[in-house]
Amino acid sequence: MGHGSLQKAGKVRKQTPQVTAKERHSPIPRKGLRNKYVKRVILGKFAGQPSSMGSKRRGR
């Protein structure tokens, strides 16, 4: 049939010790918006393929 039996499924995951998850928080929105501004306005890069509508409008 397949590789291994279904009776052994999940064996390793059950044996590994539980680790407490670290606290996660989202990045500061201002930082991401700044990066978008630099990429689009300062560097003149736009999303998508070179033949896409967005790049044609911008005159890339």
C-alpha atoms as a PDB file:
ATOM      1  CA  MET A   1       0.000   0.000   0.000  1.00  0.00           C
ATOM      2  CA  GLY A   2       1.655   3.207   1.227  1.00  0.00           C
ATOM      3  CA  HIS A   3       4.630   4.100   3.320  1.00  0.00           C
ATOM      4  CA  GLY A   4       4.062   3.012   6.904  1.00  0.00           C
ATOM      5  CA  SER A   5       0.849   2.092   8.636  1.00  0.00           C
ATOM      6  CA  LEU A   6      -1.909   4.441   9.746  1.00  0.00           C
ATOM      7  CA  GLN A   7      -1.497   3.202  13.312  1.00  0.00           C
ATOM      8  CA  LYS A   8       1.814   5.082  13.534  1.00  0.00           C
ATOM      9  CA  ALA A   9       0.399   8.354  12.173  1.00  0.00           C
ATOM     10  CA  GLY A  10       1.194  11.353  14.404  1.00  0.00           C
ATOM     11  CA  LYS A  11       3.692   9.437  16.545  1.00  0.00           C
ATOM     12  CA  VAL A  12       6.490  11.998  16.430  1.00  0.00           C
ATOM     13  CA  ARG A  13       4.211  14.970  17.047  1.00  0.00           C
ATOM     14  CA  LYS A  14       2.763  13.335  20.140  1.00  0.00           C
ATOM     15  CA  GLN A  15       6.241  12.605  21.502  1.00  0.00           C
ATOM     16  CA  THR A  16       7.660  16.103  21.111  1.00  0.00           C
ATOM     17  CA  PRO A  17       7.469  18.294  24.219  1.00  0.00           C
ATOM     18  CA  GLN A  18       5.035  21.204  24.185  1.00  0.00           C
ATOM     19  CA  VAL A  19       6.734  24.584  23.760  1.00  0.00           C
ATOM     20  CA  THR A  20       4.955  27.740  24.833  1.00  0.00           C
ATOM     21  CA  ALA A  21       4.280  30.052  21.917  1.00  0.00           C
ATOM     22  CA  LYS A  22       5.906  33.458  22.000  1.00  0.00           C
ATOM     23  CA  GLU A  23       3.728  36.548  21.865  1.00  0.00           C
ATOM     24  CA  ARG A  24       3.336  37.937  18.359  1.00  0.00           C
ATOM     25  CA  HIS A  25       2.254  41.409  17.368  1.00  0.00           C
ATOM     26  CA  SER A  26       1.679  42.980  13.985  1.00  0.00           C
ATOM     27  CA  PRO A  27       4.261  45.409  12.592  1.00  0.00           C
ATOM     28  CA  ILE A  28       3.675  49.155  12.777  1.00  0.00           C
ATOM     29  CA  PRO A  29       1.493  50.203   9.780  1.00  0.00           C
ATOM     30  CA  ARG A  30       3.411  53.470   9.353  1.00  0.00           C
ATOM     31  CA  LYS A  31       6.579  51.534   8.616  1.00  0.00           C
ATOM     32  CA  GLY A  32       4.952  49.464   5.870  1.00  0.00           C
ATOM     33  CA  LEU A  33       3.315  52.502   4.289  1.00  0.00           C
ATOM     34  CA  ARG A  34       6.676  54.289   4.299  1.00  0.00           C
ATOM     35  CA  ASN A  35       8.268  51.339   2.485  1.00  0.00           C
ATOM     36  CA  LYS A  36       5.479  51.384  -0.136  1.00  0.00           C
ATOM     37  CA  TYR A  37       5.975  55.119  -0.652  1.00  0.00           C
ATOM     38  CA  VAL A  38       9.722  54.720  -1.157  1.00  0.00           C
ATOM     39  CA  LYS A  39       9.273  51.843  -3.581  1.00  0.00           C
ATOM     40  CA  ARG A  40       6.490  53.413  -5.663  1.00  0.00           C
ATOM     41  CA  VAL A  41       7.209  57.146  -5.602  1.00  0.00           C
ATOM     42  CA  ILE A  42      10.931  57.484  -4.918  1.00  0.00           C
ATOM     43  CA  LEU A  43      12.181  54.418  -6.824  1.00  0.00           C
ATOM     44  CA  GLY A  44       9.361  54.374  -9.402  1.00  0.00           C
ATOM     45  CA  LYS A  45       8.675  50.644  -9.119  1.00  0.00           C
ATOM     46  CA  PHE A  46       5.134  49.337  -9.572  1.00  0.00           C
ATOM     47  CA  ALA A  47       3.498  46.000  -8.943  1.00  0.00           C
ATOM     48  CA  GLY A  48       2.820  43.399 -11.621  1.00  0.00           C
ATOM     49  CA  GLN A  49       4.291  42.456 -14.934  1.00  0.00           C
ATOM     50  CA  PRO A  50       5.885  45.087 -17.209  1.00  0.00           C
ATOM     51  CA  SER A  51       2.942  44.701 -19.624  1.00  0.00           C
ATOM     52  CA  SER A  52       0.255  45.197 -16.941  1.00  0.00           C
ATOM     53  CA  MET A  53      -2.190  48.111 -16.929  1.00  0.00           C
ATOM     54  CA  GLY A  54      -0.651  49.701 -13.833  1.00  0.00           C
ATOM     55  CA  SER A  55       2.796  49.928 -15.371  1.00  0.00           C
ATOM     56  CA  LYS A  56       1.406  51.215 -18.676  1.00  0.00           C
ATOM     57  CA  ARG A  57      -0.407  54.022 -16.854  1.00  0.00           C
ATOM     58  CA  ARG A  58       2.812  54.993 -15.063  1.00  0.00           C
ATOM     59  CA  GLY A  59       4.829  54.939 -18.288  1.00  0.00           C
ATOM     60  CA  ARG A  60       7.426  52.389 -17.258  1.00  0.00           C
END
